[in-house]
Amino acid sequence: MAIWNKNDQAYLQGNKTLFEAFMLADKDGNIINSFGIASNIPISAGLVDGYGHINKFGASAGDIASGTIWDGNGVGNDDDVVYPYPANSVVAVASTSNAGAAVLVNGLDASYNEVSETINIGATGVTVFSRIFRARMVDTNNDADVSLTMGGTEAARIIADKAQTLMAVYTVPAGKTAYLIKAQMGSDKAATNASLKYSLMARDTAVGNIFQIKGISYAAGGQNVIVEYPVPLKFTEKTDIRVDVLAPNGGQTCSATFDLILVDNE
């Protein structure tokens, strides 16, 4: 690459130094704006080879005192459910309504590769899942809660009339690295002189079975807290990520959202 000397207003002569220039391009070779939100639009549109985006959003089914923010927490008298991570298993889908309706299940197989399967309510699938991180109704609304179990343990729930799971839970697929760029947490009602504690938890399953804290945020009841990462947090393949909460004064209905950029490993 030629070097321009602004003082002499001429190119340097005889310079043998090599320089590299890095640019992000879409799959057609078009240079992408690599600054700000605009740089992420081609990724969302699927135009950048090797890059993808995951938006995980979760909420409790009702008031919770603690545990993971997902719609399996806050059901009935259970208000402190930490996401259970069931053992590898096929998925059974059950509900008191909409028998035979199709449910699309997204997650990872036993090797942590991305997998999906459509299973009718009242039936059991044939694909072995290691993780479920999303499920949705395919062609009809659900008039009652839909429960998805693995080996008898609930791994996902679709609340009545929501038609999709609400899970602030994700696991990085094999062959990919995830970069966390933003998180938002909140609750539904004010609490006098008390704040909620939100914990970003992660476990690298390739290393061990222990969850570690990756960030703590506090917000008053009824308010949101937004955390942005100008330098994204990096999570390697097969890492479990979830958002937990500790809520005072009898609990709150809580929500959490986080955005990840997925990059294929070389």
Protein backbone atom coordinates (compact mmCIF):
# COMPACT_ATOMS: atom_id res chain seq x y z
CA MET A 1 0.00 0.00 0.00
CA ALA A 2 1.44 3.37 -0.99
CA ILE A 3 2.09 5.90 1.81
CA TRP A 4 1.17 9.57 1.40
CA ASN A 5 3.27 12.22 3.14
CA LYS A 6 0.95 15.11 3.93
CA ASN A 7 3.88 17.48 4.59
CA ASP A 8 5.53 16.92 1.20
CA GLN A 9 2.22 16.31 -0.56
CA ALA A 10 3.80 13.34 -2.30
CA TYR A 11 4.03 9.58 -2.00
CA LEU A 12 7.04 8.28 -0.09
CA GLN A 13 9.58 6.87 -2.48
CA GLY A 14 11.28 3.55 -2.05
CA ASN A 15 9.31 2.57 1.05
CA LYS A 16 9.10 -1.21 1.30
CA THR A 17 6.91 -1.46 4.41
CA LEU A 18 3.75 -3.52 3.93
CA PHE A 19 0.47 -2.59 5.56
CA GLU A 20 -2.77 -4.52 5.86
CA ALA A 21 -6.23 -2.96 5.63
CA PHE A 22 -9.21 -4.78 7.16
CA MET A 23 -12.73 -4.20 5.83
CA LEU A 24 -16.06 -5.99 6.34
CA ALA A 25 -17.87 -6.95 3.15
CA ASP A 26 -21.13 -8.72 2.39
CA LYS A 27 -21.28 -11.98 0.44
CA ASP A 28 -21.34 -10.03 -2.84
CA GLY A 29 -18.14 -8.15 -1.99
CA ASN A 30 -19.77 -4.82 -1.10
CA ILE A 31 -17.95 -2.92 1.65
CA ILE A 32 -20.10 -2.55 4.79
CA ASN A 33 -20.23 0.40 7.15
CA SER A 34 -18.43 -1.05 10.17
CA PHE A 35 -19.50 1.58 12.70
CA GLY A 36 -22.71 1.85 14.70
CA ILE A 37 -26.04 0.12 14.24
CA ALA A 38 -25.89 0.37 10.44
CA SER A 39 -23.10 -2.22 10.40
CA ASN A 40 -25.43 -4.84 11.92
CA ILE A 41 -28.23 -4.57 9.36
CA PRO A 42 -26.45 -6.74 6.73
CA ILE A 43 -25.76 -9.32 9.45
CA SER A 44 -29.45 -9.45 10.36
CA ALA A 45 -30.31 -9.74 6.66
CA GLY A 46 -27.99 -12.74 6.28
CA LEU A 47 -25.71 -10.96 3.82
CA VAL A 48 -22.43 -11.48 5.69
CA ASP A 49 -20.99 -14.99 5.40
CA GLY A 50 -19.96 -16.46 8.73
CA TYR A 51 -21.94 -13.97 10.83
CA GLY A 52 -25.35 -14.25 12.48
CA HIS A 53 -27.47 -12.64 15.19
CA ILE A 54 -29.44 -13.98 18.13
CA ASN A 55 -31.98 -11.88 20.04
CA LYS A 56 -32.96 -13.72 23.22
CA PHE A 57 -35.91 -12.40 25.17
CA GLY A 58 -37.42 -13.88 28.29
CA ALA A 59 -40.01 -13.19 30.96
CA SER A 60 -41.31 -14.97 34.02
CA ALA A 61 -44.82 -16.42 33.93
CA GLY A 62 -45.73 -14.43 37.05
CA ASP A 63 -44.18 -12.85 40.13
CA ILE A 64 -40.88 -14.46 41.10
CA ALA A 65 -38.59 -14.01 44.09
CA SER A 66 -35.47 -15.41 42.45
CA GLY A 67 -34.22 -17.77 39.78
CA THR A 68 -33.85 -17.59 36.01
CA ILE A 69 -35.95 -15.27 33.86
CA TRP A 70 -37.93 -17.70 31.72
CA ASP A 71 -41.59 -18.69 31.42
CA GLY A 72 -41.06 -21.85 33.44
CA ASN A 73 -40.47 -19.63 36.49
CA GLY A 74 -43.51 -18.15 38.22
CA VAL A 75 -45.90 -20.95 37.25
CA GLY A 76 -48.32 -21.69 40.09
CA ASN A 77 -46.48 -21.61 43.42
CA ASP A 78 -43.05 -22.05 41.83
CA ASP A 79 -41.38 -18.64 42.00
CA ASP A 80 -37.67 -19.41 42.36
CA VAL A 81 -36.93 -21.82 39.51
CA VAL A 82 -33.39 -21.84 38.16
CA TYR A 83 -33.31 -23.16 34.60
CA PRO A 84 -32.76 -26.93 35.01
CA TYR A 85 -30.74 -27.91 31.88
CA PRO A 86 -32.22 -31.41 31.48
CA ALA A 87 -30.12 -34.32 30.26
CA ASN A 88 -30.03 -35.11 26.53
CA SER A 89 -33.38 -36.50 25.47
CA VAL A 90 -36.18 -36.47 22.95
CA VAL A 91 -38.84 -33.79 23.54
CA ALA A 92 -42.43 -34.45 24.65
CA VAL A 93 -45.04 -31.72 24.05
CA ALA A 94 -48.20 -31.54 26.17
CA SER A 95 -51.12 -29.16 26.73
CA THR A 96 -54.72 -29.25 27.91
CA SER A 97 -55.83 -27.65 24.63
CA ASN A 98 -55.08 -27.60 20.89
CA ALA A 99 -54.34 -31.33 20.64
CA GLY A 100 -52.36 -32.13 17.52
CA ALA A 101 -51.26 -28.54 16.88
CA ALA A 102 -47.71 -28.24 15.54
CA VAL A 103 -44.89 -26.78 17.66
CA LEU A 104 -41.51 -25.90 16.15
CA VAL A 105 -38.68 -26.59 18.60
CA ASN A 106 -35.25 -24.97 18.13
CA GLY A 107 -32.13 -25.93 20.03
CA LEU A 108 -28.98 -28.03 19.90
CA ASP A 109 -28.41 -31.74 19.38
CA ALA A 110 -26.18 -33.97 21.48
CA SER A 111 -23.09 -32.58 19.70
CA TYR A 112 -24.22 -28.96 20.25
CA ASN A 113 -25.07 -28.46 16.59
CA GLU A 114 -28.16 -26.39 15.76
CA VAL A 115 -31.24 -28.53 15.23
CA SER A 116 -34.99 -28.08 14.95
CA GLU A 117 -37.99 -30.39 14.94
CA THR A 118 -41.74 -29.91 14.54
CA ILE A 119 -43.67 -31.90 17.17
CA ASN A 120 -47.43 -32.02 17.58
CA ILE A 121 -49.06 -31.36 20.94
CA GLY A 122 -49.64 -34.74 22.58
CA ALA A 123 -46.68 -36.36 20.81
CA THR A 124 -43.00 -37.03 21.44
CA GLY A 125 -40.29 -36.18 18.93
CA VAL A 126 -37.52 -38.41 17.60
CA THR A 127 -34.60 -35.95 17.66
CA VAL A 128 -32.32 -35.98 20.71
CA PHE A 129 -31.86 -32.45 22.03
CA SER A 130 -29.20 -31.30 24.47
CA ARG A 131 -30.66 -27.79 24.71
CA ILE A 132 -33.92 -26.05 23.87
CA PHE A 133 -33.73 -22.29 23.58
CA ARG A 134 -36.90 -21.49 21.63
CA ALA A 135 -40.24 -23.05 20.66
CA ARG A 136 -43.22 -21.58 18.85
CA MET A 137 -46.65 -22.50 17.57
CA VAL A 138 -46.61 -23.12 13.81
CA ASP A 139 -50.11 -22.58 12.46
CA THR A 140 -52.45 -21.96 15.40
CA ASN A 141 -52.44 -20.03 18.66
CA ASN A 142 -52.18 -21.91 21.95
CA ASP A 143 -55.27 -21.52 24.12
CA ALA A 144 -53.53 -23.05 27.14
CA ASP A 145 -49.95 -23.41 28.35
CA VAL A 146 -47.81 -25.81 26.33
CA SER A 147 -45.14 -27.72 28.25
CA LEU A 148 -42.03 -29.20 26.58
CA THR A 149 -40.22 -31.81 28.64
CA MET A 150 -36.95 -33.71 28.27
CA GLY A 151 -36.77 -36.91 30.30
CA GLY A 152 -39.70 -35.70 32.40
CA THR A 153 -38.10 -32.32 33.23
CA GLU A 154 -39.64 -29.17 31.81
CA ALA A 155 -37.18 -27.52 29.40
CA ALA A 156 -39.51 -24.94 27.84
CA ARG A 157 -43.04 -23.58 28.20
CA ILE A 158 -45.28 -21.57 25.90
CA ILE A 159 -47.64 -19.46 28.01
CA ALA A 160 -51.27 -19.42 26.85
CA ASP A 161 -51.92 -17.02 23.96
CA LYS A 162 -48.20 -16.11 23.60
CA ALA A 163 -47.50 -18.61 20.76
CA GLN A 164 -43.77 -18.57 21.57
CA THR A 165 -41.44 -19.20 24.49
CA LEU A 166 -39.96 -16.41 26.60
CA MET A 167 -36.52 -17.65 27.67
CA ALA A 168 -33.52 -15.50 28.66
CA VAL A 169 -31.50 -18.66 28.13
CA TYR A 170 -29.11 -19.56 25.31
CA THR A 171 -26.23 -21.93 24.53
CA VAL A 172 -23.57 -21.11 21.93
CA PRO A 173 -23.61 -23.76 19.17
CA ALA A 174 -20.56 -25.84 18.29
CA GLY A 175 -18.29 -24.17 15.77
CA LYS A 176 -19.37 -20.64 16.71
CA THR A 177 -18.31 -17.84 19.03
CA ALA A 178 -20.88 -15.43 20.52
CA TYR A 179 -20.27 -11.75 21.24
CA LEU A 180 -22.70 -10.06 23.64
CA ILE A 181 -23.38 -6.48 22.60
CA LYS A 182 -26.38 -5.44 24.72
CA ALA A 183 -28.65 -6.57 27.54
CA GLN A 184 -31.83 -5.11 29.04
CA MET A 185 -33.64 -6.18 32.19
CA GLY A 186 -36.77 -4.91 33.95
CA SER A 187 -39.78 -5.65 36.14
CA ASP A 188 -43.43 -4.75 36.29
CA LYS A 189 -44.10 -2.85 39.52
CA ALA A 190 -42.49 -0.40 41.89
CA ALA A 191 -40.99 -1.53 45.18
CA THR A 192 -40.29 1.04 47.90
CA ASN A 193 -36.65 1.30 48.98
CA ALA A 194 -35.77 -1.92 47.20
CA SER A 195 -33.98 -2.81 44.01
CA LEU A 196 -33.81 -5.95 41.90
CA LYS A 197 -30.47 -7.63 41.25
CA TYR A 198 -29.97 -9.06 37.77
CA SER A 199 -27.10 -11.48 37.21
CA LEU A 200 -25.63 -12.47 33.86
CA MET A 201 -24.45 -16.05 34.27
CA ALA A 202 -22.30 -18.18 31.96
CA ARG A 203 -20.87 -21.71 32.02
CA ASP A 204 -18.27 -22.99 29.57
CA THR A 205 -19.31 -26.65 29.33
CA ALA A 206 -16.04 -27.53 27.59
CA VAL A 207 -14.20 -26.56 30.79
CA GLY A 208 -16.52 -27.48 33.65
CA ASN A 209 -19.99 -27.49 35.17
CA ILE A 210 -19.81 -24.26 37.19
CA PHE A 211 -21.71 -21.09 36.31
CA GLN A 212 -19.75 -17.88 36.77
CA ILE A 213 -21.05 -14.35 37.19
CA LYS A 214 -20.32 -12.14 34.17
CA GLY A 215 -22.17 -9.01 35.23
CA ILE A 216 -24.50 -7.63 37.92
CA SER A 217 -27.05 -4.86 37.40
CA TYR A 218 -29.54 -3.22 39.76
CA ALA A 219 -32.82 -1.46 39.02
CA ALA A 220 -35.74 -0.21 41.09
CA GLY A 221 -38.98 -2.12 40.74
CA GLY A 222 -40.92 -1.09 37.67
CA GLN A 223 -37.84 0.24 35.91
CA ASN A 224 -35.47 -1.08 33.24
CA VAL A 225 -31.70 -1.23 33.17
CA ILE A 226 -29.78 -1.31 29.90
CA VAL A 227 -26.19 -2.54 29.66
CA GLU A 228 -24.21 -1.97 26.46
CA TYR A 229 -20.83 -3.48 25.68
CA PRO A 230 -18.74 -1.24 23.37
CA VAL A 231 -16.20 -4.06 23.54
CA PRO A 232 -18.45 -7.17 23.37
CA LEU A 233 -18.21 -9.98 25.88
CA LYS A 234 -16.90 -13.13 24.22
CA PHE A 235 -18.44 -16.57 24.79
CA THR A 236 -16.91 -19.65 23.20
CA GLU A 237 -18.77 -22.60 21.70
CA LYS A 238 -20.91 -24.74 24.03
CA THR A 239 -21.18 -21.96 26.63
CA ASP A 240 -24.51 -21.73 28.50
CA ILE A 241 -25.77 -18.17 29.06
CA ARG A 242 -28.72 -17.12 31.21
CA VAL A 243 -30.07 -14.13 33.17
CA ASP A 244 -31.06 -14.65 36.83
CA VAL A 245 -32.80 -12.23 39.18
CA LEU A 246 -33.25 -11.65 42.89
CA ALA A 247 -36.48 -9.71 43.57
CA PRO A 248 -37.48 -8.29 47.00
CA ASN A 249 -40.82 -7.72 48.71
CA GLY A 250 -42.70 -10.78 47.53
CA GLY A 251 -41.37 -10.82 44.00
CA GLN A 252 -41.90 -9.20 40.63
CA THR A 253 -42.76 -10.30 37.12
CA CYS A 254 -39.40 -9.84 35.38
CA SER A 255 -38.08 -9.72 31.84
CA ALA A 256 -34.66 -9.81 30.17
CA THR A 257 -33.36 -9.42 26.63
CA PHE A 258 -29.86 -9.82 25.23
CA ASP A 259 -28.32 -9.57 21.77
CA LEU A 260 -25.50 -11.74 20.48
CA ILE A 261 -23.47 -11.61 17.28
CA LEU A 262 -22.52 -15.17 16.24
CA VAL A 263 -19.29 -15.68 14.29
CA ASP A 264 -18.25 -18.95 12.66
CA ASN A 265 -14.99 -20.33 14.03
CA GLU A 266 -12.24 -20.72 11.45
